[in-house]
Amino acid sequence: MKKLIMILMAFCLIAPMANAELTKKQEKAISKMAKDRAKKMEKDGYVMMGSLPLQAALEKHYTALENGAVEQVGNGRSKSKNNGRQMCLTYAMSEYASKEVSQLKGRSVTDSYGNEIDTENDPEFARFYAAYERLTQKEIKGELQESFTVCKQQPDGTYEFVMYLTIDESKANDRRQKAVRDAAAESKLAQDYAKQVSDFVNQK
C-alpha cells in the first residue's frame, strides 16, 4: 500500500510556479488586456461585487497568472447576491477535483496477461476515484484564492455569478498528496497495478 501511495503522490507532482518580476512590456500588455476585458464585461452587463474597480481587479488577476498562478473559474446562479460567492467557490472546488480525477482516469491499466482493466468500473478503482475526488475538493479549498467576482442580473430576476480565482499549484500539490494518501487508505486500492502506475508517471 505504501508503495502505491507514493506512486500516486508522484503522479500529482508538478513544477513550482515562477515568481519573476514582470517587464515593462509585460505590464503594459497586461494593462491593455485588462482594460479591453473590463470594457467588454461591463458592456455585457457584469458588475463588480466589491469596491475594487474591475480593470484594477483584472490587472491584479492577470499579473498573478503571468507569474505562474493557475486560473480557476467558479460559476453560480441565485436570486440572492448573498449566496453568490459561496456558490462560485463550491463550483470551483468541484471543477478542480473533477479535473484531477479525469487526468488520473486517463491512464489505462493492463493485467499480467495484457488485458486492459476497466478502471472506471472496477469496484476498487471506483472507490479510490470517488474518495480522491471528494478529498481533493475538500483539501483544495484553502489554496483557492479569489481574485474578484462579478454578477449580472438575468431577465427572470436571478443573478449570474462568475468568480475568478488563482491557485499556486506548488502549494496545491501538498493538498493533492494528502488526498491521495487518504483516498488510497479508504479504498484499499489493489497493489497489483502499482508498477504500471509507476510507469505512467515516468512517461509524463
N, C-alpha and C. Protein backbone atom coordinates (compact mmCIF):
# COMPACT_ATOMS: atom_id res chain seq x y z
N MET A 1 0.83 -1.20 0.00
CA MET A 1 0.00 0.00 0.00
C MET A 1 0.87 1.26 0.00
N LYS A 2 1.94 1.27 0.81
CA LYS A 2 2.79 2.45 0.89
C LYS A 2 3.41 2.77 -0.47
N LYS A 3 3.80 1.70 -1.18
CA LYS A 3 4.43 1.90 -2.49
C LYS A 3 3.47 2.57 -3.45
N LEU A 4 2.23 2.08 -3.46
CA LEU A 4 1.22 2.63 -4.38
C LEU A 4 0.90 4.08 -4.03
N ILE A 5 0.82 4.36 -2.74
CA ILE A 5 0.54 5.74 -2.32
C ILE A 5 1.63 6.68 -2.81
N MET A 6 2.89 6.26 -2.70
CA MET A 6 3.99 7.09 -3.15
C MET A 6 3.94 7.31 -4.66
N ILE A 7 3.54 6.28 -5.39
CA ILE A 7 3.43 6.40 -6.85
C ILE A 7 2.37 7.41 -7.23
N LEU A 8 1.21 7.31 -6.57
CA LEU A 8 0.13 8.21 -6.87
C LEU A 8 0.46 9.64 -6.47
N MET A 9 1.22 9.78 -5.38
CA MET A 9 1.66 11.11 -4.97
C MET A 9 2.58 11.70 -6.04
N ALA A 10 3.44 10.87 -6.58
CA ALA A 10 4.36 11.34 -7.62
C ALA A 10 3.61 11.79 -8.85
N PHE A 11 2.50 11.11 -9.14
CA PHE A 11 1.69 11.47 -10.30
C PHE A 11 1.16 12.89 -10.17
N CYS A 12 0.93 13.32 -8.94
CA CYS A 12 0.36 14.64 -8.70
C CYS A 12 1.39 15.77 -8.71
N LEU A 13 2.67 15.42 -8.74
CA LEU A 13 3.72 16.44 -8.67
C LEU A 13 3.76 17.29 -9.93
N ILE A 14 3.94 18.58 -9.75
CA ILE A 14 4.13 19.48 -10.88
C ILE A 14 5.21 20.48 -10.51
N ALA A 15 5.71 21.19 -11.49
CA ALA A 15 6.77 22.17 -11.24
C ALA A 15 6.23 23.37 -10.48
N PRO A 16 7.00 23.91 -9.53
CA PRO A 16 6.56 25.10 -8.81
C PRO A 16 6.40 26.27 -9.76
N MET A 17 5.50 27.18 -9.41
CA MET A 17 5.27 28.30 -10.29
C MET A 17 6.36 29.36 -10.11
N ALA A 18 6.58 30.10 -11.16
CA ALA A 18 7.63 31.12 -11.14
C ALA A 18 7.16 32.38 -10.43
N ASN A 19 8.13 33.16 -9.96
CA ASN A 19 7.79 34.41 -9.28
C ASN A 19 8.67 35.54 -9.81
N ALA A 20 8.89 35.55 -11.10
CA ALA A 20 9.78 36.54 -11.70
C ALA A 20 9.12 37.91 -11.76
N GLU A 21 9.98 38.94 -11.73
CA GLU A 21 9.50 40.31 -11.89
C GLU A 21 9.01 40.50 -13.32
N LEU A 22 7.90 41.20 -13.48
CA LEU A 22 7.39 41.45 -14.82
C LEU A 22 8.15 42.59 -15.48
N THR A 23 8.33 42.48 -16.78
CA THR A 23 8.98 43.55 -17.53
C THR A 23 7.96 44.65 -17.80
N LYS A 24 8.46 45.81 -18.20
CA LYS A 24 7.56 46.92 -18.55
C LYS A 24 6.65 46.53 -19.70
N LYS A 25 7.18 45.77 -20.63
CA LYS A 25 6.39 45.32 -21.77
C LYS A 25 5.24 44.43 -21.33
N GLN A 26 5.54 43.53 -20.39
CA GLN A 26 4.50 42.64 -19.87
C GLN A 26 3.44 43.44 -19.10
N GLU A 27 3.89 44.38 -18.30
CA GLU A 27 2.96 45.20 -17.53
C GLU A 27 2.05 46.00 -18.45
N LYS A 28 2.61 46.52 -19.51
CA LYS A 28 1.82 47.29 -20.47
C LYS A 28 0.79 46.41 -21.17
N ALA A 29 1.21 45.20 -21.53
CA ALA A 29 0.31 44.25 -22.20
C ALA A 29 -0.83 43.85 -21.27
N ILE A 30 -0.49 43.63 -20.00
CA ILE A 30 -1.50 43.26 -19.01
C ILE A 30 -2.50 44.39 -18.83
N SER A 31 -1.99 45.61 -18.74
CA SER A 31 -2.86 46.78 -18.55
C SER A 31 -3.85 46.92 -19.71
N LYS A 32 -3.35 46.75 -20.93
CA LYS A 32 -4.21 46.86 -22.10
C LYS A 32 -5.24 45.74 -22.13
N MET A 33 -4.79 44.52 -21.83
CA MET A 33 -5.69 43.38 -21.83
C MET A 33 -6.79 43.55 -20.78
N ALA A 34 -6.40 44.05 -19.60
CA ALA A 34 -7.37 44.26 -18.53
C ALA A 34 -8.37 45.34 -18.90
N LYS A 35 -7.88 46.40 -19.53
CA LYS A 35 -8.76 47.49 -19.93
C LYS A 35 -9.79 47.02 -20.96
N ASP A 36 -9.32 46.27 -21.96
CA ASP A 36 -10.21 45.76 -23.00
C ASP A 36 -11.23 44.77 -22.44
N ARG A 37 -10.75 43.90 -21.55
CA ARG A 37 -11.64 42.89 -20.96
C ARG A 37 -12.68 43.54 -20.06
N ALA A 38 -12.27 44.54 -19.30
CA ALA A 38 -13.19 45.25 -18.41
C ALA A 38 -14.30 45.92 -19.21
N LYS A 39 -13.93 46.55 -20.31
CA LYS A 39 -14.93 47.22 -21.16
C LYS A 39 -15.94 46.22 -21.70
N LYS A 40 -15.44 45.07 -22.14
CA LYS A 40 -16.33 44.05 -22.71
C LYS A 40 -17.28 43.48 -21.65
N MET A 41 -16.73 43.19 -20.47
CA MET A 41 -17.55 42.63 -19.39
C MET A 41 -18.62 43.62 -18.95
N GLU A 42 -18.24 44.89 -18.85
CA GLU A 42 -19.21 45.91 -18.45
C GLU A 42 -20.27 46.10 -19.52
N LYS A 43 -19.86 46.01 -20.77
CA LYS A 43 -20.80 46.11 -21.88
C LYS A 43 -21.79 44.95 -21.87
N ASP A 44 -21.30 43.78 -21.42
CA ASP A 44 -22.15 42.60 -21.35
C ASP A 44 -23.06 42.60 -20.11
N GLY A 45 -22.90 43.60 -19.28
CA GLY A 45 -23.79 43.74 -18.13
C GLY A 45 -23.26 43.25 -16.81
N TYR A 46 -21.98 42.88 -16.75
CA TYR A 46 -21.41 42.39 -15.50
C TYR A 46 -20.95 43.56 -14.63
N VAL A 47 -21.18 43.44 -13.34
CA VAL A 47 -20.74 44.46 -12.39
C VAL A 47 -19.92 43.78 -11.29
N MET A 48 -18.98 44.54 -10.73
CA MET A 48 -18.12 44.02 -9.68
C MET A 48 -18.88 43.83 -8.37
N MET A 49 -18.53 42.77 -7.67
CA MET A 49 -19.01 42.58 -6.31
C MET A 49 -17.84 42.96 -5.39
N GLY A 50 -17.82 44.21 -4.99
CA GLY A 50 -16.70 44.70 -4.20
C GLY A 50 -16.35 46.12 -4.62
N SER A 51 -15.44 46.74 -3.89
CA SER A 51 -15.12 48.15 -4.11
C SER A 51 -14.02 48.36 -5.16
N LEU A 52 -13.23 47.33 -5.44
CA LEU A 52 -12.14 47.49 -6.39
C LEU A 52 -12.67 47.62 -7.82
N PRO A 53 -12.19 48.59 -8.58
CA PRO A 53 -12.63 48.72 -9.98
C PRO A 53 -12.31 47.46 -10.76
N LEU A 54 -13.15 47.12 -11.72
CA LEU A 54 -13.00 45.89 -12.49
C LEU A 54 -11.65 45.83 -13.21
N GLN A 55 -11.24 46.93 -13.82
CA GLN A 55 -9.97 46.92 -14.55
C GLN A 55 -8.80 46.63 -13.61
N ALA A 56 -8.82 47.24 -12.44
CA ALA A 56 -7.75 47.02 -11.46
C ALA A 56 -7.73 45.57 -10.99
N ALA A 57 -8.92 45.00 -10.80
CA ALA A 57 -9.02 43.59 -10.38
C ALA A 57 -8.48 42.67 -11.46
N LEU A 58 -8.78 42.98 -12.71
CA LEU A 58 -8.28 42.18 -13.83
C LEU A 58 -6.76 42.29 -13.95
N GLU A 59 -6.22 43.48 -13.75
CA GLU A 59 -4.77 43.65 -13.81
C GLU A 59 -4.08 42.80 -12.75
N LYS A 60 -4.63 42.82 -11.56
CA LYS A 60 -4.07 42.01 -10.47
C LYS A 60 -4.16 40.52 -10.80
N HIS A 61 -5.29 40.12 -11.35
CA HIS A 61 -5.51 38.71 -11.71
C HIS A 61 -4.54 38.27 -12.80
N TYR A 62 -4.43 39.06 -13.86
CA TYR A 62 -3.53 38.72 -14.97
C TYR A 62 -2.07 38.71 -14.54
N THR A 63 -1.71 39.60 -13.62
CA THR A 63 -0.34 39.62 -13.11
C THR A 63 -0.03 38.32 -12.38
N ALA A 64 -0.98 37.85 -11.58
CA ALA A 64 -0.79 36.58 -10.87
C ALA A 64 -0.61 35.43 -11.85
N LEU A 65 -1.41 35.43 -12.92
CA LEU A 65 -1.31 34.37 -13.93
C LEU A 65 0.03 34.44 -14.65
N GLU A 66 0.49 35.66 -14.94
CA GLU A 66 1.77 35.84 -15.63
C GLU A 66 2.92 35.34 -14.76
N ASN A 67 2.74 35.41 -13.45
CA ASN A 67 3.76 34.97 -12.52
C ASN A 67 3.67 33.48 -12.19
N GLY A 68 2.79 32.77 -12.88
CA GLY A 68 2.76 31.32 -12.72
C GLY A 68 1.54 30.73 -12.06
N ALA A 69 0.65 31.56 -11.52
CA ALA A 69 -0.56 31.03 -10.91
C ALA A 69 -1.46 30.42 -11.99
N VAL A 70 -2.31 29.52 -11.58
CA VAL A 70 -3.25 28.87 -12.50
C VAL A 70 -4.65 29.40 -12.23
N GLU A 71 -5.38 29.67 -13.29
CA GLU A 71 -6.74 30.22 -13.15
C GLU A 71 -7.76 29.11 -12.93
N GLN A 72 -8.69 29.38 -12.04
CA GLN A 72 -9.83 28.50 -11.82
C GLN A 72 -11.06 29.41 -11.77
N VAL A 73 -12.10 29.03 -12.49
CA VAL A 73 -13.31 29.85 -12.54
C VAL A 73 -14.46 29.13 -11.85
N GLY A 74 -15.23 29.88 -11.10
CA GLY A 74 -16.41 29.33 -10.44
C GLY A 74 -17.66 30.05 -10.91
N ASN A 75 -18.73 29.32 -11.12
CA ASN A 75 -19.99 29.91 -11.58
C ASN A 75 -21.11 29.62 -10.61
N GLY A 76 -22.12 30.47 -10.64
CA GLY A 76 -23.28 30.25 -9.80
C GLY A 76 -24.46 31.07 -10.28
N ARG A 77 -25.63 30.71 -9.83
CA ARG A 77 -26.84 31.44 -10.19
C ARG A 77 -27.81 31.37 -9.03
N SER A 78 -28.33 32.53 -8.63
CA SER A 78 -29.20 32.57 -7.47
C SER A 78 -30.05 33.84 -7.51
N LYS A 79 -31.12 33.82 -6.73
CA LYS A 79 -31.96 35.02 -6.58
C LYS A 79 -31.36 35.98 -5.57
N SER A 80 -30.42 35.49 -4.79
CA SER A 80 -29.81 36.31 -3.75
C SER A 80 -28.33 36.54 -4.02
N LYS A 81 -27.91 37.80 -3.95
CA LYS A 81 -26.49 38.12 -4.13
C LYS A 81 -25.64 37.56 -2.99
N ASN A 82 -26.26 37.40 -1.83
CA ASN A 82 -25.51 36.91 -0.68
C ASN A 82 -24.99 35.50 -0.87
N ASN A 83 -25.65 34.72 -1.72
CA ASN A 83 -25.24 33.33 -1.94
C ASN A 83 -24.21 33.19 -3.05
N GLY A 84 -23.96 34.25 -3.79
CA GLY A 84 -23.13 34.17 -4.99
C GLY A 84 -21.74 33.64 -4.78
N ARG A 85 -21.01 34.23 -3.85
CA ARG A 85 -19.61 33.85 -3.67
C ARG A 85 -19.48 32.40 -3.23
N GLN A 86 -20.30 31.96 -2.28
CA GLN A 86 -20.18 30.59 -1.80
C GLN A 86 -20.52 29.59 -2.89
N MET A 87 -21.52 29.89 -3.71
CA MET A 87 -21.88 29.01 -4.82
C MET A 87 -20.72 28.89 -5.81
N CYS A 88 -20.07 30.01 -6.10
CA CYS A 88 -18.95 30.00 -7.04
C CYS A 88 -17.76 29.22 -6.49
N LEU A 89 -17.49 29.42 -5.20
CA LEU A 89 -16.36 28.72 -4.58
C LEU A 89 -16.59 27.21 -4.59
N THR A 90 -17.81 26.80 -4.25
CA THR A 90 -18.14 25.37 -4.25
C THR A 90 -17.99 24.78 -5.64
N TYR A 91 -18.44 25.53 -6.63
CA TYR A 91 -18.33 25.08 -8.03
C TYR A 91 -16.87 24.95 -8.43
N ALA A 92 -16.04 25.94 -8.07
CA ALA A 92 -14.62 25.91 -8.43
C ALA A 92 -13.92 24.73 -7.79
N MET A 93 -14.22 24.44 -6.53
CA MET A 93 -13.62 23.30 -5.84
C MET A 93 -14.00 22.00 -6.52
N SER A 94 -15.27 21.88 -6.89
CA SER A 94 -15.76 20.67 -7.55
C SER A 94 -15.10 20.49 -8.92
N GLU A 95 -14.99 21.57 -9.68
CA GLU A 95 -14.39 21.50 -11.01
C GLU A 95 -12.91 21.11 -10.93
N TYR A 96 -12.21 21.67 -9.96
CA TYR A 96 -10.79 21.35 -9.80
C TYR A 96 -10.61 19.87 -9.48
N ALA A 97 -11.39 19.37 -8.54
CA ALA A 97 -11.28 17.97 -8.15
C ALA A 97 -11.66 17.04 -9.30
N SER A 98 -12.69 17.40 -10.04
CA SER A 98 -13.13 16.59 -11.17
C SER A 98 -12.04 16.50 -12.24
N LYS A 99 -11.36 17.62 -12.47
CA LYS A 99 -10.28 17.66 -13.46
C LYS A 99 -9.14 16.74 -13.04
N GLU A 100 -8.80 16.78 -11.75
CA GLU A 100 -7.71 15.93 -11.26
C GLU A 100 -8.04 14.45 -11.42
N VAL A 101 -9.27 14.08 -11.11
CA VAL A 101 -9.68 12.68 -11.25
C VAL A 101 -9.68 12.25 -12.71
N SER A 102 -10.13 13.13 -13.59
CA SER A 102 -10.17 12.82 -15.02
C SER A 102 -8.78 12.54 -15.56
N GLN A 103 -7.79 13.29 -15.09
CA GLN A 103 -6.42 13.07 -15.53
C GLN A 103 -5.91 11.71 -15.09
N LEU A 104 -6.27 11.32 -13.88
CA LEU A 104 -5.85 10.02 -13.36
C LEU A 104 -6.56 8.89 -14.10
N LYS A 105 -7.84 9.09 -14.39
CA LYS A 105 -8.61 8.08 -15.11
C LYS A 105 -8.14 7.90 -16.55
N GLY A 106 -7.46 8.91 -17.07
CA GLY A 106 -7.00 8.84 -18.45
C GLY A 106 -5.91 7.80 -18.68
N ARG A 107 -5.39 7.22 -17.63
CA ARG A 107 -4.36 6.19 -17.75
C ARG A 107 -5.00 4.80 -17.82
N SER A 108 -4.58 4.01 -18.76
CA SER A 108 -5.12 2.64 -18.88
C SER A 108 -4.22 1.66 -18.14
N VAL A 109 -4.83 0.63 -17.57
CA VAL A 109 -4.12 -0.38 -16.79
C VAL A 109 -4.37 -1.75 -17.41
N THR A 110 -3.33 -2.57 -17.50
CA THR A 110 -3.50 -3.93 -18.03
C THR A 110 -3.04 -4.95 -17.01
N ASP A 111 -3.66 -6.14 -17.06
CA ASP A 111 -3.27 -7.19 -16.12
C ASP A 111 -2.04 -7.93 -16.65
N SER A 112 -1.64 -8.96 -15.94
CA SER A 112 -0.41 -9.68 -16.30
C SER A 112 -0.51 -10.40 -17.64
N TYR A 113 -1.74 -10.56 -18.16
CA TYR A 113 -1.94 -11.22 -19.45
C TYR A 113 -2.09 -10.21 -20.59
N GLY A 114 -1.94 -8.95 -20.27
CA GLY A 114 -2.05 -7.93 -21.30
C GLY A 114 -3.46 -7.44 -21.55
N ASN A 115 -4.41 -7.85 -20.72
CA ASN A 115 -5.79 -7.41 -20.89
C ASN A 115 -5.99 -6.07 -20.18
N GLU A 116 -6.63 -5.15 -20.88
CA GLU A 116 -6.87 -3.83 -20.28
C GLU A 116 -7.95 -3.92 -19.22
N ILE A 117 -7.70 -3.27 -18.10
CA ILE A 117 -8.65 -3.27 -16.99
C ILE A 117 -9.54 -2.03 -17.09
N ASP A 118 -10.83 -2.23 -16.92
CA ASP A 118 -11.78 -1.11 -16.93
C ASP A 118 -11.74 -0.46 -15.55
N THR A 119 -10.77 0.42 -15.35
CA THR A 119 -10.57 1.02 -14.03
C THR A 119 -11.73 1.90 -13.58
N GLU A 120 -12.47 2.45 -14.54
CA GLU A 120 -13.58 3.33 -14.17
C GLU A 120 -14.73 2.55 -13.55
N ASN A 121 -14.85 1.27 -13.91
CA ASN A 121 -15.95 0.47 -13.39
C ASN A 121 -15.51 -0.61 -12.41
N ASP A 122 -14.21 -0.79 -12.27
CA ASP A 122 -13.71 -1.75 -11.29
C ASP A 122 -14.02 -1.21 -9.89
N PRO A 123 -14.61 -2.03 -9.01
CA PRO A 123 -15.02 -1.56 -7.67
C PRO A 123 -13.90 -0.90 -6.87
N GLU A 124 -12.70 -1.50 -6.88
CA GLU A 124 -11.60 -0.94 -6.10
C GLU A 124 -11.17 0.42 -6.63
N PHE A 125 -11.03 0.50 -7.95
CA PHE A 125 -10.64 1.78 -8.54
C PHE A 125 -11.75 2.81 -8.41
N ALA A 126 -12.99 2.37 -8.56
CA ALA A 126 -14.12 3.29 -8.43
C ALA A 126 -14.16 3.91 -7.03
N ARG A 127 -13.87 3.10 -6.02
CA ARG A 127 -13.85 3.62 -4.65
C ARG A 127 -12.72 4.63 -4.47
N PHE A 128 -11.58 4.31 -5.06
CA PHE A 128 -10.45 5.24 -4.97
C PHE A 128 -10.76 6.56 -5.65
N TYR A 129 -11.28 6.49 -6.88
CA TYR A 129 -11.58 7.72 -7.61
C TYR A 129 -12.59 8.59 -6.86
N ALA A 130 -13.62 7.95 -6.34
CA ALA A 130 -14.65 8.70 -5.62
C ALA A 130 -14.07 9.37 -4.37
N ALA A 131 -13.24 8.63 -3.65
CA ALA A 131 -12.63 9.18 -2.44
C ALA A 131 -11.64 10.29 -2.79
N TYR A 132 -10.87 10.07 -3.85
CA TYR A 132 -9.87 11.06 -4.24
C TYR A 132 -10.53 12.37 -4.68
N GLU A 133 -11.62 12.27 -5.41
CA GLU A 133 -12.31 13.48 -5.85
C GLU A 133 -12.89 14.24 -4.66
N ARG A 134 -13.53 13.51 -3.76
CA ARG A 134 -14.14 14.15 -2.59
C ARG A 134 -13.08 14.81 -1.71
N LEU A 135 -11.98 14.10 -1.48
CA LEU A 135 -10.94 14.62 -0.59
C LEU A 135 -10.15 15.76 -1.24
N THR A 136 -9.95 15.69 -2.55
CA THR A 136 -9.27 16.79 -3.24
C THR A 136 -10.11 18.05 -3.16
N GLN A 137 -11.41 17.90 -3.36
CA GLN A 137 -12.31 19.05 -3.27
C GLN A 137 -12.23 19.69 -1.88
N LYS A 138 -12.15 18.87 -0.87
CA LYS A 138 -12.06 19.39 0.49
C LYS A 138 -10.70 20.04 0.76
N GLU A 139 -9.63 19.38 0.34
CA GLU A 139 -8.29 19.86 0.63
C GLU A 139 -7.92 21.13 -0.12
N ILE A 140 -8.44 21.28 -1.35
CA ILE A 140 -8.01 22.38 -2.20
C ILE A 140 -8.63 23.71 -1.81
N LYS A 141 -9.66 23.69 -0.99
CA LYS A 141 -10.37 24.92 -0.64
C LYS A 141 -9.44 26.01 -0.12
N GLY A 142 -8.51 25.64 0.73
CA GLY A 142 -7.62 26.63 1.33
C GLY A 142 -6.60 27.22 0.37
N GLU A 143 -6.43 26.61 -0.79
CA GLU A 143 -5.45 27.10 -1.75
C GLU A 143 -6.07 27.92 -2.88
N LEU A 144 -7.39 27.92 -2.97
CA LEU A 144 -8.06 28.71 -4.00
C LEU A 144 -8.20 30.16 -3.50
N GLN A 145 -7.61 31.07 -4.23
CA GLN A 145 -7.63 32.48 -3.83
C GLN A 145 -8.52 33.28 -4.78
N GLU A 146 -9.54 33.92 -4.23
CA GLU A 146 -10.44 34.72 -5.06
C GLU A 146 -9.73 35.99 -5.54
N SER A 147 -9.76 36.22 -6.84
CA SER A 147 -9.25 37.48 -7.40
C SER A 147 -10.37 38.51 -7.39
N PHE A 148 -11.51 38.13 -7.96
CA PHE A 148 -12.68 39.01 -7.95
C PHE A 148 -13.89 38.22 -8.43
N THR A 149 -15.07 38.78 -8.15
CA THR A 149 -16.32 38.16 -8.56
C THR A 149 -17.20 39.21 -9.21
N VAL A 150 -17.84 38.83 -10.30
CA VAL A 150 -18.77 39.73 -10.98
C VAL A 150 -20.14 39.07 -11.02
N CYS A 151 -21.17 39.89 -11.19
CA CYS A 151 -22.51 39.33 -11.31
C CYS A 151 -23.29 40.09 -12.39
N LYS A 152 -24.34 39.44 -12.85
CA LYS A 152 -25.16 40.00 -13.92
C LYS A 152 -26.60 39.58 -13.68
N GLN A 153 -27.50 40.55 -13.64
CA GLN A 153 -28.90 40.22 -13.41
C GLN A 153 -29.53 39.70 -14.70
N GLN A 154 -30.28 38.61 -14.56
CA GLN A 154 -30.95 37.98 -15.68
C GLN A 154 -32.39 38.47 -15.80
N PRO A 155 -33.01 38.28 -16.97
CA PRO A 155 -34.40 38.73 -17.17
C PRO A 155 -35.39 38.16 -16.15
N ASP A 156 -35.10 36.95 -15.63
CA ASP A 156 -36.01 36.35 -14.67
C ASP A 156 -35.79 36.83 -13.24
N GLY A 157 -34.88 37.78 -13.07
CA GLY A 157 -34.63 38.34 -11.74
C GLY A 157 -33.51 37.67 -10.98
N THR A 158 -33.01 36.55 -11.46
CA THR A 158 -31.89 35.88 -10.80
C THR A 158 -30.58 36.56 -11.17
N TYR A 159 -29.53 36.23 -10.44
CA TYR A 159 -28.21 36.78 -10.71
C TYR A 159 -27.27 35.67 -11.16
N GLU A 160 -26.52 35.96 -12.20
CA GLU A 160 -25.48 35.05 -12.66
C GLU A 160 -24.16 35.53 -12.08
N PHE A 161 -23.42 34.64 -11.44
CA PHE A 161 -22.16 34.99 -10.81
C PHE A 161 -21.00 34.29 -11.50
N VAL A 162 -19.90 34.99 -11.60
CA VAL A 162 -18.66 34.40 -12.10
C VAL A 162 -17.53 34.84 -11.17
N MET A 163 -16.86 33.87 -10.59
CA MET A 163 -15.74 34.15 -9.70
C MET A 163 -14.44 33.71 -10.37
N TYR A 164 -13.48 34.60 -10.38
CA TYR A 164 -12.16 34.29 -10.94
C TYR A 164 -11.20 34.07 -9.77
N LEU A 165 -10.57 32.90 -9.78
CA LEU A 165 -9.68 32.53 -8.69
C LEU A 165 -8.32 32.15 -9.26
N THR A 166 -7.32 32.14 -8.39
CA THR A 166 -5.99 31.65 -8.76
C THR A 166 -5.57 30.60 -7.75
N ILE A 167 -4.68 29.74 -8.22
CA ILE A 167 -4.16 28.71 -7.33
C ILE A 167 -2.68 28.51 -7.59
N ASP A 168 -1.91 28.44 -6.52
CA ASP A 168 -0.48 28.16 -6.59
C ASP A 168 -0.34 26.64 -6.59
N GLU A 169 -0.02 26.09 -7.75
CA GLU A 169 0.00 24.63 -7.87
C GLU A 169 1.09 23.97 -7.04
N SER A 170 2.17 24.70 -6.75
CA SER A 170 3.22 24.12 -5.91
C SER A 170 2.70 23.88 -4.49
N LYS A 171 1.79 24.75 -4.04
CA LYS A 171 1.17 24.55 -2.72
C LYS A 171 0.03 23.56 -2.81
N ALA A 172 -0.72 23.61 -3.91
CA ALA A 172 -1.84 22.69 -4.09
C ALA A 172 -1.35 21.25 -4.16
N ASN A 173 -0.11 21.07 -4.58
CA ASN A 173 0.44 19.72 -4.67
C ASN A 173 0.42 19.00 -3.32
N ASP A 174 0.74 19.73 -2.26
CA ASP A 174 0.71 19.13 -0.92
C ASP A 174 -0.69 18.66 -0.57
N ARG A 175 -1.68 19.44 -0.97
CA ARG A 175 -3.08 19.09 -0.69
C ARG A 175 -3.46 17.83 -1.46
N ARG A 176 -3.03 17.74 -2.72
CA ARG A 176 -3.35 16.57 -3.53
C ARG A 176 -2.67 15.32 -2.99
N GLN A 177 -1.46 15.48 -2.49
CA GLN A 177 -0.74 14.34 -1.92
C GLN A 177 -1.50 13.77 -0.72
N LYS A 178 -1.99 14.67 0.11
CA LYS A 178 -2.75 14.22 1.28
C LYS A 178 -4.03 13.51 0.83
N ALA A 179 -4.68 14.06 -0.20
CA ALA A 179 -5.90 13.45 -0.72
C ALA A 179 -5.62 12.06 -1.27
N VAL A 180 -4.48 11.90 -1.94
CA VAL A 180 -4.09 10.59 -2.47
C VAL A 180 -3.90 9.58 -1.34
N ARG A 181 -3.18 9.99 -0.31
CA ARG A 181 -2.93 9.08 0.82
C ARG A 181 -4.23 8.65 1.48
N ASP A 182 -5.08 9.61 1.74
CA ASP A 182 -6.33 9.31 2.43
C ASP A 182 -7.28 8.48 1.55
N ALA A 183 -7.30 8.79 0.25
CA ALA A 183 -8.18 8.05 -0.66
C ALA A 183 -7.72 6.61 -0.79
N ALA A 184 -6.40 6.41 -0.89
CA ALA A 184 -5.87 5.06 -1.02
C ALA A 184 -6.16 4.24 0.24
N ALA A 185 -6.06 4.89 1.39
CA ALA A 185 -6.34 4.21 2.65
C ALA A 185 -7.82 3.84 2.75
N GLU A 186 -8.69 4.72 2.30
CA GLU A 186 -10.13 4.46 2.36
C GLU A 186 -10.55 3.33 1.43
N SER A 187 -10.00 3.31 0.23
CA SER A 187 -10.46 2.38 -0.79
C SER A 187 -9.72 1.04 -0.78
N LYS A 188 -8.59 0.96 -0.05
CA LYS A 188 -7.78 -0.25 -0.04
C LYS A 188 -7.44 -0.67 -1.47
N LEU A 189 -6.99 0.30 -2.21
CA LEU A 189 -6.71 0.12 -3.63
C LEU A 189 -5.75 -1.04 -3.86
N ALA A 190 -6.10 -1.94 -4.80
CA ALA A 190 -5.27 -3.12 -5.09
C ALA A 190 -3.88 -2.70 -5.54
N GLN A 191 -2.86 -3.45 -5.13
CA GLN A 191 -1.48 -3.11 -5.47
C GLN A 191 -0.98 -3.86 -6.70
N ASP A 192 -1.83 -4.65 -7.31
CA ASP A 192 -1.41 -5.44 -8.47
C ASP A 192 -0.92 -4.57 -9.62
N TYR A 193 -1.41 -3.32 -9.68
CA TYR A 193 -1.10 -2.47 -10.82
C TYR A 193 -0.17 -1.33 -10.46
N ALA A 194 0.50 -1.46 -9.30
CA ALA A 194 1.36 -0.38 -8.81
C ALA A 194 2.49 -0.08 -9.79
N LYS A 195 3.12 -1.13 -10.35
CA LYS A 195 4.24 -0.90 -11.26
C LYS A 195 3.78 -0.17 -12.51
N GLN A 196 2.60 -0.52 -13.01
CA GLN A 196 2.10 0.13 -14.20
C GLN A 196 1.85 1.62 -13.95
N VAL A 197 1.27 1.93 -12.79
CA VAL A 197 1.02 3.33 -12.46
C VAL A 197 2.36 4.06 -12.36
N SER A 198 3.38 3.39 -11.81
CA SER A 198 4.70 3.99 -11.71
C SER A 198 5.26 4.27 -13.11
N ASP A 199 5.04 3.33 -14.03
CA ASP A 199 5.49 3.54 -15.41
C ASP A 199 4.80 4.73 -16.05
N PHE A 200 3.51 4.89 -15.75
CA PHE A 200 2.75 6.03 -16.30
C PHE A 200 3.40 7.33 -15.83
N VAL A 201 3.78 7.37 -14.57
CA VAL A 201 4.39 8.57 -14.01
C VAL A 201 5.71 8.87 -14.73
N ASN A 202 6.50 7.83 -14.98
CA ASN A 202 7.79 8.01 -15.64
C ASN A 202 7.63 8.48 -17.08
N GLN A 203 6.48 8.19 -17.68
CA GLN A 203 6.22 8.56 -19.08
C GLN A 203 5.72 9.99 -19.22
N LYS A 204 5.39 10.66 -18.10
CA LYS A 204 4.84 12.02 -18.18
C LYS A 204 5.85 13.00 -18.77
